[in-house]
Amino acid sequence: MPPPRLFRDAMLAGLARWLRAAGHDAALAPGNASDRVILQCCRAQARVLLTRDRHLAAHAGGDIPVMLLVANDIDAQAAELAGTLDLDWTFAPFTRCLLDNTPLREATPEERERLPARSRDLPGPLRACPGCGRIYWRGSHVRRMQARLERWLGFARGIRRADPADPAGA
């Protein structure tokens, strides 16, 4: 089964970038979006609403799946998502734009030329966002981000193993 398509309110913007880094389709509501607009988007796009806003979650109705996050800390929020949605933090790393959620494609030779010379020669794919034009490469920041995603995957496995009601975690 494919992973859920997610929609986060503006309170979870930082988490949005990490979900995208993991390869998840994770739309983000604009900061000024009303609850009504957020719910309409979730409904129209068949997305799971992630929020910390109890009022918004209460008004979602039965037709919108909602996950109300209780943690303040991003590491704890990552564990909540992995444990509740069985979210894989290493699903398809670095295949979506961190800014606009668009799937990335291989960078063209012209796009490669825009990179600093030392970055053009790094191993790994050079990808570009067809939406905003941003270019991504595997610098040291990617190794740090990958380590964090793998740590979160480990937290998730620990949560599932710790739950005696979950036979898959045994």
Protein backbone atom coordinates (compact mmCIF):
# COMPACT_ATOMS: atom_id res chain seq x y z
CA MET A 1 0.00 0.00 0.00
CA PRO A 2 1.42 3.43 -0.88
CA PRO A 3 2.23 5.81 1.96
CA PRO A 4 -0.45 8.34 2.85
CA ARG A 5 -0.53 11.73 1.21
CA LEU A 6 -0.11 14.21 4.04
CA PHE A 7 -1.24 17.78 4.70
CA ARG A 8 0.16 19.84 7.57
CA ASP A 9 -0.97 23.08 8.97
CA ALA A 10 1.49 25.97 9.28
CA MET A 11 2.34 24.98 12.86
CA LEU A 12 4.23 21.98 11.47
CA ALA A 13 6.29 23.66 8.74
CA GLY A 14 9.58 22.27 10.07
CA LEU A 15 8.18 18.77 10.07
CA ALA A 16 7.02 19.30 6.49
CA ARG A 17 10.59 19.70 5.27
CA TRP A 18 11.65 16.48 6.99
CA LEU A 19 8.71 14.53 5.57
CA ARG A 20 9.69 15.75 2.11
CA ALA A 21 13.34 14.88 2.77
CA ALA A 22 12.15 11.33 3.50
CA GLY A 23 10.31 11.31 0.15
CA HIS A 24 6.74 11.68 1.40
CA ASP A 25 4.10 13.70 -0.42
CA ALA A 26 3.59 16.33 2.27
CA ALA A 27 1.66 19.47 1.36
CA LEU A 28 1.80 22.46 3.68
CA ALA A 29 -0.95 24.97 4.33
CA PRO A 30 -0.01 28.63 3.88
CA GLY A 31 0.38 30.44 7.18
CA ASN A 32 -2.76 32.49 6.61
CA ALA A 33 -5.02 29.60 5.50
CA SER A 34 -8.29 29.33 7.39
CA ASP A 35 -9.40 26.06 8.94
CA ARG A 36 -12.12 25.85 6.29
CA VAL A 37 -9.55 26.11 3.46
CA ILE A 38 -7.27 23.53 5.09
CA LEU A 39 -10.13 21.06 5.45
CA GLN A 40 -11.28 21.66 1.87
CA CYS A 41 -7.77 20.94 0.59
CA CYS A 42 -7.52 17.72 2.61
CA ARG A 43 -10.91 16.59 1.34
CA ALA A 44 -10.27 17.48 -2.31
CA GLN A 45 -6.79 15.94 -2.38
CA ALA A 46 -7.58 12.89 -0.18
CA ARG A 47 -4.87 13.76 2.33
CA VAL A 48 -4.30 12.89 5.97
CA LEU A 49 -4.34 16.04 8.09
CA LEU A 50 -1.44 16.40 10.53
CA THR A 51 -1.95 19.12 13.10
CA ARG A 52 -1.29 20.21 16.65
CA ASP A 53 -4.46 22.35 16.59
CA ARG A 54 -7.16 20.57 18.62
CA HIS A 55 -9.86 22.89 17.29
CA LEU A 56 -8.94 22.14 13.66
CA ALA A 57 -8.79 18.39 14.34
CA ALA A 58 -12.21 18.46 16.01
CA HIS A 59 -13.78 20.13 12.95
CA ALA A 60 -12.35 17.73 10.39
CA GLY A 61 -15.38 15.49 10.42
CA GLY A 62 -15.42 11.79 9.71
CA ASP A 63 -14.40 12.06 6.06
CA ILE A 64 -10.89 13.46 6.67
CA PRO A 65 -8.31 11.27 8.41
CA VAL A 66 -6.63 13.33 11.12
CA MET A 67 -3.58 12.80 13.27
CA LEU A 68 -3.37 15.19 16.19
CA LEU A 69 0.27 15.45 17.24
CA VAL A 70 0.84 16.15 20.90
CA ALA A 71 4.63 16.49 20.99
CA ASN A 72 6.35 19.87 20.73
CA ASP A 73 9.78 18.51 19.80
CA ILE A 74 10.38 17.49 16.18
CA ASP A 75 12.10 14.23 17.19
CA ALA A 76 9.08 13.25 19.28
CA GLN A 77 6.73 14.26 16.45
CA ALA A 78 8.71 12.02 14.08
CA ALA A 79 8.31 9.14 16.51
CA GLU A 80 4.56 9.82 16.80
CA LEU A 81 4.16 9.72 13.02
CA ALA A 82 6.20 6.57 12.62
CA GLY A 83 4.36 4.80 15.41
CA THR A 84 0.82 5.84 14.46
CA LEU A 85 0.97 5.95 10.65
CA ASP A 86 3.75 3.36 10.31
CA LEU A 87 5.59 6.10 8.44
CA ASP A 88 8.91 5.04 6.93
CA TRP A 89 11.46 7.82 7.42
CA THR A 90 13.69 6.26 4.75
CA PHE A 91 10.92 5.76 2.16
CA ALA A 92 12.50 7.62 -0.80
CA PRO A 93 15.08 10.04 0.59
CA PHE A 94 15.79 13.27 -1.25
CA THR A 95 13.36 12.73 -4.12
CA ARG A 96 11.07 15.73 -3.38
CA CYS A 97 11.72 19.44 -3.22
CA LEU A 98 12.00 20.53 0.40
CA LEU A 99 10.36 23.86 -0.43
CA ASP A 100 7.39 23.06 -2.66
CA ASN A 101 6.94 19.25 -2.44
CA THR A 102 7.44 18.68 -6.19
CA PRO A 103 9.07 15.37 -7.21
CA LEU A 104 12.66 16.02 -8.29
CA ARG A 105 14.17 15.07 -11.65
CA GLU A 106 17.74 14.67 -12.89
CA ALA A 107 19.43 18.05 -13.33
CA THR A 108 20.12 19.19 -16.87
CA PRO A 109 23.65 20.13 -17.99
CA GLU A 110 22.62 23.80 -17.86
CA GLU A 111 21.39 23.42 -14.27
CA ARG A 112 24.61 21.63 -13.29
CA GLU A 113 26.60 24.62 -14.51
CA ARG A 114 24.86 26.84 -11.94
CA LEU A 115 26.39 24.83 -9.08
CA PRO A 116 29.72 25.69 -7.46
CA ALA A 117 32.50 23.75 -9.25
CA ARG A 118 33.31 21.61 -6.20
CA SER A 119 29.66 20.51 -5.93
CA ARG A 120 29.39 19.46 -9.59
CA ASP A 121 31.95 16.71 -9.06
CA LEU A 122 30.40 15.16 -5.96
CA PRO A 123 29.17 11.58 -6.26
CA GLY A 124 25.48 10.88 -6.33
CA PRO A 125 22.67 12.36 -8.32
CA LEU A 126 22.26 16.02 -9.01
CA ARG A 127 18.54 16.72 -8.97
CA ALA A 128 16.42 19.74 -9.82
CA CYS A 129 12.94 20.84 -8.91
CA PRO A 130 10.83 21.49 -12.02
CA GLY A 131 8.60 23.75 -9.90
CA CYS A 132 10.97 26.24 -8.28
CA GLY A 133 14.24 25.47 -10.07
CA ARG A 134 16.20 24.69 -6.92
CA ILE A 135 19.09 22.24 -7.41
CA TYR A 136 19.96 19.50 -4.92
CA TRP A 137 23.25 17.61 -4.54
CA ARG A 138 24.75 15.24 -2.00
CA GLY A 139 26.87 17.52 0.16
CA SER A 140 27.74 17.00 3.81
CA HIS A 141 24.28 18.29 4.78
CA VAL A 142 22.73 15.24 3.10
CA ARG A 143 24.81 12.85 5.22
CA ARG A 144 23.65 14.63 8.38
CA MET A 145 20.03 14.62 7.23
CA GLN A 146 20.22 10.92 6.22
CA ALA A 147 21.59 10.06 9.67
CA ARG A 148 18.67 11.83 11.32
CA LEU A 149 16.11 10.07 9.10
CA GLU A 150 17.71 6.72 9.92
CA ARG A 151 17.66 7.56 13.64
CA TRP A 152 13.95 8.35 13.36
CA LEU A 153 13.37 5.04 11.59
CA GLY A 154 15.10 3.36 14.53
CA PHE A 155 12.83 5.20 16.98
CA ALA A 156 9.82 3.99 15.02
CA ARG A 157 10.97 0.40 15.14
CA GLY A 158 11.47 0.74 18.88
CA ILE A 159 7.96 2.12 19.32
CA ARG A 160 6.40 -0.73 17.34
CA ARG A 161 8.42 -3.35 19.24
CA ALA A 162 7.45 -1.81 22.55
CA ASP A 163 3.73 -2.08 21.75
CA PRO A 164 2.54 -5.55 22.92
CA ALA A 165 -0.75 -5.06 21.04
CA ASP A 166 1.16 -4.87 17.73
CA PRO A 167 1.96 -8.41 16.52
CA ALA A 168 4.03 -7.03 13.62
CA GLY A 169 6.44 -5.47 16.08
CA ALA A 170 7.02 -8.68 18.02
